[in-house]
Amino acid sequence: MINHVEYIHYNPVKHGLVEVPKNWNYTSFHDYVHRGKYEFDWGANSEIDFMKNIGNE
């Protein structure tokens, strides 16, 4: 499931809406940071590749 959650958090970056996940306001990403699941700069320093079956259901 975490792969799907990460895909959702990274999707605005993938589609060019923001440069990093933390800049997308309409996301649960900030809740995950607050709970200690992610660092605030997660997804900022490199492109994230997902398995072929993630995001293509």
N, C-alpha and C. Protein backbone atom coordinates (compact mmCIF):
# COMPACT_ATOMS: atom_id res chain seq x y z
N MET A 1 0.82 -1.19 0.00
CA MET A 1 0.00 0.00 0.00
C MET A 1 0.86 1.26 0.00
N ILE A 2 2.00 1.22 0.69
CA ILE A 2 2.85 2.42 0.76
C ILE A 2 3.29 2.87 -0.63
N ASN A 3 3.48 1.92 -1.54
CA ASN A 3 3.86 2.31 -2.91
C ASN A 3 2.77 3.15 -3.56
N HIS A 4 1.52 2.80 -3.31
CA HIS A 4 0.40 3.57 -3.87
C HIS A 4 0.31 4.95 -3.23
N VAL A 5 0.53 5.02 -1.92
CA VAL A 5 0.51 6.30 -1.22
C VAL A 5 1.63 7.20 -1.73
N GLU A 6 2.81 6.64 -1.89
CA GLU A 6 3.93 7.44 -2.42
C GLU A 6 3.66 7.90 -3.84
N TYR A 7 3.03 7.07 -4.64
CA TYR A 7 2.67 7.46 -6.00
C TYR A 7 1.74 8.67 -5.95
N ILE A 8 0.75 8.61 -5.08
CA ILE A 8 -0.20 9.72 -4.95
C ILE A 8 0.52 10.99 -4.52
N HIS A 9 1.45 10.87 -3.57
CA HIS A 9 2.16 12.05 -3.08
C HIS A 9 3.11 12.62 -4.13
N TYR A 10 3.62 11.79 -4.99
CA TYR A 10 4.58 12.25 -6.01
C TYR A 10 3.90 12.65 -7.32
N ASN A 11 2.65 12.28 -7.50
CA ASN A 11 1.94 12.51 -8.75
C ASN A 11 1.92 13.97 -9.22
N PRO A 12 1.71 14.96 -8.35
CA PRO A 12 1.75 16.36 -8.82
C PRO A 12 3.11 16.76 -9.39
N VAL A 13 4.18 16.16 -8.87
CA VAL A 13 5.52 16.42 -9.41
C VAL A 13 5.64 15.77 -10.79
N LYS A 14 5.20 14.54 -10.87
CA LYS A 14 5.27 13.78 -12.13
C LYS A 14 4.57 14.52 -13.27
N HIS A 15 3.48 15.19 -12.96
CA HIS A 15 2.70 15.88 -13.98
C HIS A 15 3.04 17.36 -14.11
N GLY A 16 4.11 17.79 -13.45
CA GLY A 16 4.60 19.15 -13.62
C GLY A 16 3.80 20.23 -12.92
N LEU A 17 2.99 19.86 -11.95
CA LEU A 17 2.19 20.86 -11.25
C LEU A 17 2.99 21.59 -10.17
N VAL A 18 3.96 20.91 -9.60
CA VAL A 18 4.88 21.48 -8.61
C VAL A 18 6.25 20.85 -8.82
N GLU A 19 7.27 21.44 -8.23
CA GLU A 19 8.62 20.89 -8.37
C GLU A 19 8.93 19.83 -7.32
N VAL A 20 8.29 19.93 -6.17
CA VAL A 20 8.51 18.97 -5.08
C VAL A 20 7.17 18.69 -4.39
N PRO A 21 6.99 17.50 -3.81
CA PRO A 21 5.72 17.16 -3.18
C PRO A 21 5.28 18.14 -2.09
N LYS A 22 6.22 18.69 -1.33
CA LYS A 22 5.85 19.60 -0.24
C LYS A 22 5.16 20.87 -0.73
N ASN A 23 5.29 21.20 -2.00
CA ASN A 23 4.67 22.40 -2.54
C ASN A 23 3.23 22.20 -2.97
N TRP A 24 2.74 20.98 -2.96
CA TRP A 24 1.35 20.70 -3.35
C TRP A 24 0.49 20.76 -2.09
N ASN A 25 -0.41 21.72 -2.03
CA ASN A 25 -1.21 21.95 -0.83
C ASN A 25 -2.35 20.96 -0.65
N TYR A 26 -2.80 20.35 -1.74
CA TYR A 26 -3.99 19.50 -1.70
C TYR A 26 -3.59 18.03 -1.56
N THR A 27 -2.92 17.69 -0.48
CA THR A 27 -2.36 16.36 -0.32
C THR A 27 -2.31 15.96 1.14
N SER A 28 -2.26 14.66 1.35
CA SER A 28 -2.06 14.15 2.71
C SER A 28 -0.57 14.08 3.04
N PHE A 29 0.28 14.47 2.10
CA PHE A 29 1.72 14.42 2.31
C PHE A 29 2.13 15.14 3.60
N HIS A 30 1.56 16.30 3.84
CA HIS A 30 1.91 17.09 5.02
C HIS A 30 1.53 16.37 6.32
N ASP A 31 0.44 15.62 6.30
CA ASP A 31 0.06 14.81 7.46
C ASP A 31 1.09 13.71 7.70
N TYR A 32 1.57 13.09 6.63
CA TYR A 32 2.57 12.04 6.76
C TYR A 32 3.89 12.60 7.30
N VAL A 33 4.25 13.81 6.89
CA VAL A 33 5.45 14.46 7.43
C VAL A 33 5.25 14.72 8.93
N HIS A 34 4.11 15.26 9.27
CA HIS A 34 3.82 15.57 10.68
C HIS A 34 3.88 14.32 11.55
N ARG A 35 3.46 13.17 11.01
CA ARG A 35 3.48 11.92 11.76
C ARG A 35 4.84 11.22 11.71
N GLY A 36 5.80 11.82 11.02
CA GLY A 36 7.14 11.25 10.97
C GLY A 36 7.35 10.16 9.94
N LYS A 37 6.42 10.00 9.02
CA LYS A 37 6.54 8.97 7.98
C LYS A 37 7.47 9.40 6.85
N TYR A 38 7.55 10.70 6.60
CA TYR A 38 8.41 11.25 5.55
C TYR A 38 9.22 12.41 6.11
N GLU A 39 10.37 12.64 5.51
CA GLU A 39 11.09 13.89 5.72
C GLU A 39 10.40 14.96 4.88
N PHE A 40 10.48 16.22 5.29
CA PHE A 40 9.80 17.29 4.58
C PHE A 40 10.28 17.43 3.14
N ASP A 41 11.54 17.05 2.87
CA ASP A 41 12.07 17.20 1.50
C ASP A 41 12.02 15.89 0.70
N TRP A 42 11.21 14.92 1.15
CA TRP A 42 11.05 13.66 0.41
C TRP A 42 10.63 13.96 -1.03
N GLY A 43 11.27 13.32 -1.95
CA GLY A 43 10.95 13.48 -3.36
C GLY A 43 11.51 14.73 -4.00
N ALA A 44 12.33 15.47 -3.27
CA ALA A 44 12.83 16.74 -3.77
C ALA A 44 14.16 16.62 -4.50
N ASN A 45 14.95 15.64 -4.16
CA ASN A 45 16.31 15.59 -4.69
C ASN A 45 16.52 14.64 -5.85
N SER A 46 15.51 13.84 -6.17
CA SER A 46 15.64 12.92 -7.29
C SER A 46 14.27 12.48 -7.77
N GLU A 47 14.22 12.07 -9.02
CA GLU A 47 12.98 11.56 -9.57
C GLU A 47 12.72 10.17 -9.00
N ILE A 48 11.50 9.90 -8.66
CA ILE A 48 11.15 8.61 -8.07
C ILE A 48 10.50 7.74 -9.15
N ASP A 49 11.04 6.55 -9.32
CA ASP A 49 10.49 5.59 -10.28
C ASP A 49 9.65 4.58 -9.51
N PHE A 50 8.47 4.30 -10.03
CA PHE A 50 7.57 3.36 -9.41
C PHE A 50 7.47 2.10 -10.25
N MET A 51 7.09 1.00 -9.60
CA MET A 51 6.90 -0.25 -10.33
C MET A 51 5.83 -0.03 -11.41
N LYS A 52 5.89 -0.79 -12.45
CA LYS A 52 4.98 -0.63 -13.61
C LYS A 52 3.51 -0.76 -13.19
N ASN A 53 3.21 -1.56 -12.17
CA ASN A 53 1.81 -1.76 -11.80
C ASN A 53 1.28 -0.69 -10.84
N ILE A 54 2.10 0.24 -10.43
CA ILE A 54 1.67 1.30 -9.53
C ILE A 54 1.19 2.49 -10.36
N GLY A 55 -0.06 2.89 -10.17
CA GLY A 55 -0.62 4.04 -10.88
C GLY A 55 -1.20 3.71 -12.24
N ASN A 56 -1.24 2.47 -12.60
CA ASN A 56 -1.76 2.07 -13.91
C ASN A 56 -2.93 1.09 -13.80
N GLU A 57 -3.59 1.09 -12.66
CA GLU A 57 -4.69 0.15 -12.48
C GLU A 57 -5.91 0.61 -13.24
